[in-house]
Amino acid sequence: MKIVVCVKQVPDSAASLVAENGQASWGDAPLVINPWDEYAVEAALNMGGDVTVMSMGGEDAKEALKHALAMGCKEAVLISDDALANVDTQGTAKVLAAAIQKVGDVNMAFFGRQAIDGDAGITPAQTARVLGWSALTLAASINVDGSKVTVERSVEEGRQTVSAELPAVLSLVKEYGEPRYPSFMGIRKASRAVVPVWSLADLGIEAPVPVVEFTETLNPPARDVSVEMIEGGSPAEIAEKLADKIMAEKIL
C-alpha cells in the first residue's frame, strides 16, 4: 500500500485575520500544521505501508512536513515555486495531482477535511477529478479490502457508507480518531530530515492560470465611535438617565 498525505502550513487557530494596506494578513501569528491534516496523517499511518507527506508552499512549509514525519511518515516532499504565489484551489489540485503522479504507484491520497485559513474544503475533490480517481470525502472510518475501499462519511444526517475501487482520494474528519502525538525520537529524526523540493519544472507542468482572482483590496467598513458621558447628582439619577438612553437608542 502506497499512500500520499497532502498537508498545509497555516496560521495558528487563535490567529486573527486583519487588513493591512488593503491586503489580508495574519500578522506575526505562529504557523502550524493544519489541524485537520493531522487526522489525515493518522489515518494514513493506520493503513500501513509507505506514507509520503507532501505540501505546497515556501520554506516554512517544511515545518508542517517535519511534524508529519515526526508522527511516523516515511518520506516528505515540498512543492515550491515562485509561480505558485497566487494559485487558487483548482491550481493547487493540478499541482498536487502532478506531484502524486510523480511519486508513482500511489493507492490512496489523503487530505484533511479543509484548511483552517481558506476553509474552502474543495481541494480533495478537485484533486480527485484531475487524477481521474474517486473522491471519498468526510471519512470517519476506512476499510480496505483488496482493491476496494469503503468509508463511513460523517454527514449532518448521520453516517453514509460509500465504496470505490482504488486508487482513490479521501478527506478525513475528526470523528476518525485522535491523531497521535509525535514521539521524542520521531521529533529528533524529523529535525535532521532533508526534505527534497520539487518545482513546476520537476513536475513537468506550467503554472496553472488562476480561475479565481482577488482584484480589489480589502476595505474594512469605517467605524464611527463616539463617547457620551452621563452625569448626575447621584448614582440613582445616573442609572435612570442611562436606562432612558438605552431605551431611546433601542439597544434593549
Protein backbone atom coordinates (compact mmCIF):
# COMPACT_ATOMS: atom_id res chain seq x y z
CA MET A 1 0.00 0.00 0.00
CA LYS A 2 1.42 3.36 -1.05
CA ILE A 3 -0.21 6.48 0.36
CA VAL A 4 0.38 10.21 -0.08
CA VAL A 5 -0.85 12.67 2.53
CA CYS A 6 -1.25 16.30 1.49
CA VAL A 7 -0.78 18.81 4.33
CA LYS A 8 -0.65 22.56 4.64
CA GLN A 9 1.14 25.05 6.89
CA VAL A 10 -1.42 27.50 8.31
CA PRO A 11 -1.61 30.25 10.95
CA ASP A 12 -2.41 29.09 14.46
CA SER A 13 -6.16 28.69 15.01
CA ALA A 14 -6.07 31.51 17.59
CA ALA A 15 -4.76 34.00 14.99
CA SER A 16 -6.93 36.90 13.81
CA LEU A 17 -7.18 37.93 10.16
CA VAL A 18 -6.76 41.69 9.66
CA ALA A 19 -6.46 44.06 6.71
CA GLU A 20 -3.07 45.73 6.27
CA ASN A 21 -2.59 48.15 3.40
CA GLY A 22 -5.60 46.66 1.67
CA GLN A 23 -4.34 43.08 1.92
CA ALA A 24 -5.39 40.21 4.16
CA SER A 25 -2.78 39.48 6.79
CA TRP A 26 -2.37 37.04 9.68
CA GLY A 27 0.23 39.34 11.22
CA ASP A 28 3.01 37.56 13.09
CA ALA A 29 0.85 34.59 14.10
CA PRO A 30 2.83 31.35 14.51
CA LEU A 31 2.47 28.80 11.72
CA VAL A 32 1.44 25.21 12.41
CA ILE A 33 0.36 22.13 10.50
CA ASN A 34 -3.31 22.42 9.52
CA PRO A 35 -5.15 20.67 12.41
CA TRP A 36 -7.47 18.76 10.04
CA ASP A 37 -4.43 17.35 8.25
CA GLU A 38 -3.27 15.59 11.42
CA TYR A 39 -6.32 13.33 11.14
CA ALA A 40 -5.32 12.53 7.56
CA VAL A 41 -1.79 11.65 8.68
CA GLU A 42 -3.17 9.45 11.46
CA ALA A 43 -5.46 7.60 9.05
CA ALA A 44 -2.66 7.08 6.52
CA LEU A 45 -0.32 5.67 9.14
CA ASN A 46 -3.02 3.28 10.32
CA MET A 47 -3.34 1.90 6.80
CA GLY A 48 0.23 0.61 6.93
CA GLY A 49 2.63 0.63 4.01
CA ASP A 50 4.71 3.55 2.77
CA VAL A 51 3.38 7.00 3.62
CA THR A 52 4.75 10.09 1.87
CA VAL A 53 3.68 13.53 3.07
CA MET A 54 3.72 16.49 0.70
CA SER A 55 2.94 20.18 0.91
CA MET A 56 2.92 23.29 -1.29
CA GLY A 57 4.46 26.50 -0.05
CA GLY A 58 7.63 28.26 0.92
CA GLU A 59 10.48 27.18 3.15
CA ASP A 60 8.34 27.49 6.28
CA ALA A 61 6.04 24.72 4.99
CA LYS A 62 8.82 22.27 5.85
CA GLU A 63 7.76 22.58 9.50
CA ALA A 64 4.38 21.02 8.70
CA LEU A 65 6.15 18.26 6.78
CA LYS A 66 8.52 17.59 9.66
CA HIS A 67 5.58 17.41 12.06
CA ALA A 68 4.10 14.66 9.88
CA LEU A 69 7.49 12.93 9.69
CA ALA A 70 7.70 13.03 13.48
CA MET A 71 4.28 11.36 13.62
CA GLY A 72 5.62 8.49 11.53
CA CYS A 73 5.50 9.31 7.82
CA LYS A 74 8.37 7.76 5.87
CA GLU A 75 9.18 10.49 3.33
CA ALA A 76 8.35 14.14 2.70
CA VAL A 77 8.27 16.37 -0.38
CA LEU A 78 7.89 20.14 -0.61
CA ILE A 79 6.46 21.65 -3.79
CA SER A 80 7.73 25.21 -4.07
CA ASP A 81 7.81 27.61 -6.99
CA ASP A 82 7.55 31.40 -7.21
CA ALA A 83 4.95 30.98 -9.96
CA LEU A 84 2.53 29.47 -7.41
CA ALA A 85 2.28 32.62 -5.29
CA ASN A 86 -1.33 33.38 -6.31
CA VAL A 87 -2.56 29.86 -7.05
CA ASP A 88 -6.22 29.08 -6.30
CA THR A 89 -7.72 25.77 -5.17
CA GLN A 90 -8.12 24.47 -8.71
CA GLY A 91 -4.50 25.26 -9.49
CA THR A 92 -3.44 23.66 -6.21
CA ALA A 93 -5.30 20.50 -7.21
CA LYS A 94 -3.49 20.37 -10.56
CA VAL A 95 -0.10 20.75 -8.90
CA LEU A 96 -0.81 18.18 -6.18
CA ALA A 97 -2.13 15.72 -8.76
CA ALA A 98 1.07 16.08 -10.79
CA ALA A 99 3.15 15.52 -7.66
CA ILE A 100 1.14 12.43 -6.69
CA GLN A 101 1.67 11.04 -10.18
CA LYS A 102 5.40 11.76 -9.89
CA VAL A 103 5.57 9.73 -6.67
CA GLY A 104 4.11 6.87 -8.71
CA ASP A 105 2.03 3.78 -7.94
CA VAL A 106 0.00 5.61 -5.26
CA ASN A 107 -3.05 3.71 -3.99
CA MET A 108 -4.62 6.48 -1.92
CA ALA A 109 -4.18 10.21 -1.37
CA PHE A 110 -5.32 11.58 1.99
CA PHE A 111 -6.34 15.14 2.87
CA GLY A 112 -7.75 16.85 5.92
CA ARG A 113 -11.35 17.99 5.66
CA GLN A 114 -10.30 21.58 4.90
CA ALA A 115 -7.62 24.14 5.65
CA ILE A 116 -8.46 26.48 8.51
CA ASP A 117 -7.10 29.54 6.70
CA GLY A 118 -9.11 29.29 3.46
CA ASP A 119 -11.89 26.97 4.71
CA ALA A 120 -12.82 26.03 1.12
CA GLY A 121 -12.75 22.26 1.67
CA ILE A 122 -12.84 21.50 -2.08
CA THR A 123 -9.20 20.70 -2.88
CA PRO A 124 -9.56 16.94 -2.18
CA ALA A 125 -12.43 16.58 -4.65
CA GLN A 126 -10.71 18.81 -7.21
CA THR A 127 -7.52 16.75 -6.94
CA ALA A 128 -9.50 13.53 -7.42
CA ARG A 129 -11.09 14.99 -10.55
CA VAL A 130 -7.70 15.89 -12.05
CA LEU A 131 -6.35 12.41 -11.26
CA GLY A 132 -9.50 10.71 -12.51
CA TRP A 133 -9.88 8.94 -9.15
CA SER A 134 -12.91 8.51 -6.92
CA ALA A 135 -13.34 11.09 -4.14
CA LEU A 136 -14.44 9.73 -0.76
CA THR A 137 -14.79 12.81 1.41
CA LEU A 138 -15.57 13.40 5.10
CA ALA A 139 -14.37 9.92 6.03
CA ALA A 140 -14.86 8.92 9.66
CA SER A 141 -13.74 5.31 9.15
CA ILE A 142 -11.88 3.45 6.41
CA ASN A 143 -11.77 -0.20 5.43
CA VAL A 144 -9.68 -1.57 2.59
CA ASP A 145 -10.46 -5.00 1.17
CA GLY A 146 -8.21 -5.88 -1.74
CA SER A 147 -8.67 -3.22 -4.41
CA LYS A 148 -11.82 -1.81 -2.80
CA VAL A 149 -12.05 0.89 -0.15
CA THR A 150 -15.17 1.54 1.93
CA VAL A 151 -15.64 4.58 4.15
CA GLU A 152 -18.27 5.88 6.50
CA ARG A 153 -18.88 9.54 5.73
CA SER A 154 -19.77 11.85 8.60
CA VAL A 155 -22.65 13.99 7.32
CA GLU A 156 -25.25 16.16 9.04
CA GLU A 157 -27.89 13.44 8.85
CA GLY A 158 -25.61 10.79 10.38
CA ARG A 159 -23.32 8.30 8.63
CA GLN A 160 -23.25 7.39 4.95
CA THR A 161 -21.38 4.31 3.69
CA VAL A 162 -19.75 4.55 0.26
CA SER A 163 -17.27 2.37 -1.62
CA ALA A 164 -14.94 2.75 -4.57
CA GLU A 165 -12.15 0.96 -6.38
CA LEU A 166 -8.59 2.05 -5.69
CA PRO A 167 -6.87 4.38 -6.34
CA ALA A 168 -8.93 7.00 -4.54
CA VAL A 169 -8.72 10.35 -2.78
CA LEU A 170 -10.01 10.60 0.79
CA SER A 171 -10.57 13.53 3.14
CA LEU A 172 -10.72 12.92 6.88
CA VAL A 173 -12.81 14.37 9.71
CA LYS A 174 -12.13 14.41 13.45
CA GLU A 175 -14.57 11.57 14.08
CA TYR A 176 -11.91 9.26 12.64
CA GLY A 177 -9.98 9.36 15.91
CA GLU A 178 -7.49 11.48 17.83
CA PRO A 179 -4.16 11.95 16.00
CA ARG A 180 -1.09 10.55 17.73
CA TYR A 181 1.47 12.85 19.31
CA PRO A 182 4.91 12.91 17.67
CA SER A 183 7.34 10.83 19.71
CA PHE A 184 10.58 12.26 21.07
CA MET A 185 12.60 10.02 18.78
CA GLY A 186 10.33 10.94 15.88
CA ILE A 187 10.90 14.64 16.50
CA ARG A 188 14.67 14.15 16.63
CA LYS A 189 14.65 12.13 13.42
CA ALA A 190 12.40 14.63 11.64
CA SER A 191 14.58 17.56 12.68
CA ARG A 192 17.50 16.01 10.76
CA ALA A 193 15.45 15.06 7.72
CA VAL A 194 16.40 16.56 4.37
CA VAL A 195 13.19 17.47 2.53
CA PRO A 196 13.50 17.48 -1.28
CA VAL A 197 11.95 20.44 -3.08
CA TRP A 198 10.10 19.97 -6.36
CA SER A 199 9.49 22.88 -8.72
CA LEU A 200 6.94 23.06 -11.51
CA ALA A 201 9.72 22.09 -13.91
CA ASP A 202 10.36 18.96 -11.86
CA LEU A 203 6.66 18.10 -12.16
CA GLY A 204 6.69 18.77 -15.89
CA ILE A 205 3.83 21.28 -15.77
CA GLU A 206 3.35 25.02 -16.23
CA ALA A 207 1.93 27.34 -13.61
CA PRO A 208 -1.88 26.92 -13.53
CA VAL A 209 -3.82 30.02 -14.56
CA PRO A 210 -5.98 31.09 -11.59
CA VAL A 211 -9.72 30.80 -12.14
CA VAL A 212 -10.43 32.90 -9.04
CA GLU A 213 -8.56 36.19 -8.63
CA PHE A 214 -8.81 38.82 -5.92
CA THR A 215 -8.59 42.02 -7.92
CA GLU A 216 -9.65 44.50 -5.23
CA THR A 217 -8.05 45.45 -1.96
CA LEU A 218 -9.75 44.86 1.36
CA ASN A 219 -11.53 47.93 2.69
CA PRO A 220 -12.95 47.34 6.18
CA PRO A 221 -16.01 49.49 6.91
CA ALA A 222 -15.24 52.72 8.70
CA ARG A 223 -16.18 52.79 12.36
CA ASP A 224 -17.74 55.93 13.81
CA VAL A 225 -17.12 55.79 17.55
CA SER A 226 -18.35 58.47 19.92
CA VAL A 227 -18.34 58.70 23.71
CA GLU A 228 -21.07 60.33 25.76
CA MET A 229 -20.56 60.89 29.47
CA ILE A 230 -23.71 60.60 31.60
CA GLU A 231 -23.66 62.78 34.68
CA GLY A 232 -25.98 63.19 37.60
CA GLY A 233 -26.23 64.18 41.19
CA SER A 234 -26.41 60.60 42.45
CA PRO A 235 -25.83 57.03 41.26
CA ALA A 236 -29.60 56.53 41.07
CA GLU A 237 -30.02 59.60 38.83
CA ILE A 238 -27.14 58.44 36.57
CA ALA A 239 -28.65 54.96 36.33
CA GLU A 240 -32.05 56.40 35.41
CA LYS A 241 -30.52 58.57 32.67
CA LEU A 242 -28.53 55.59 31.36
CA ALA A 243 -31.66 53.43 31.26
CA ASP A 244 -33.58 56.14 29.37
CA LYS A 245 -30.69 56.45 26.92
CA ILE A 246 -30.56 52.70 26.31
CA MET A 247 -34.29 52.57 25.66
CA ALA A 248 -34.16 55.60 23.37
CA GLU A 249 -31.36 54.03 21.29
CA LYS A 250 -33.36 50.77 21.19
CA ILE A 251 -30.39 48.80 22.46
CA LEU A 252 -32.82 46.75 24.54
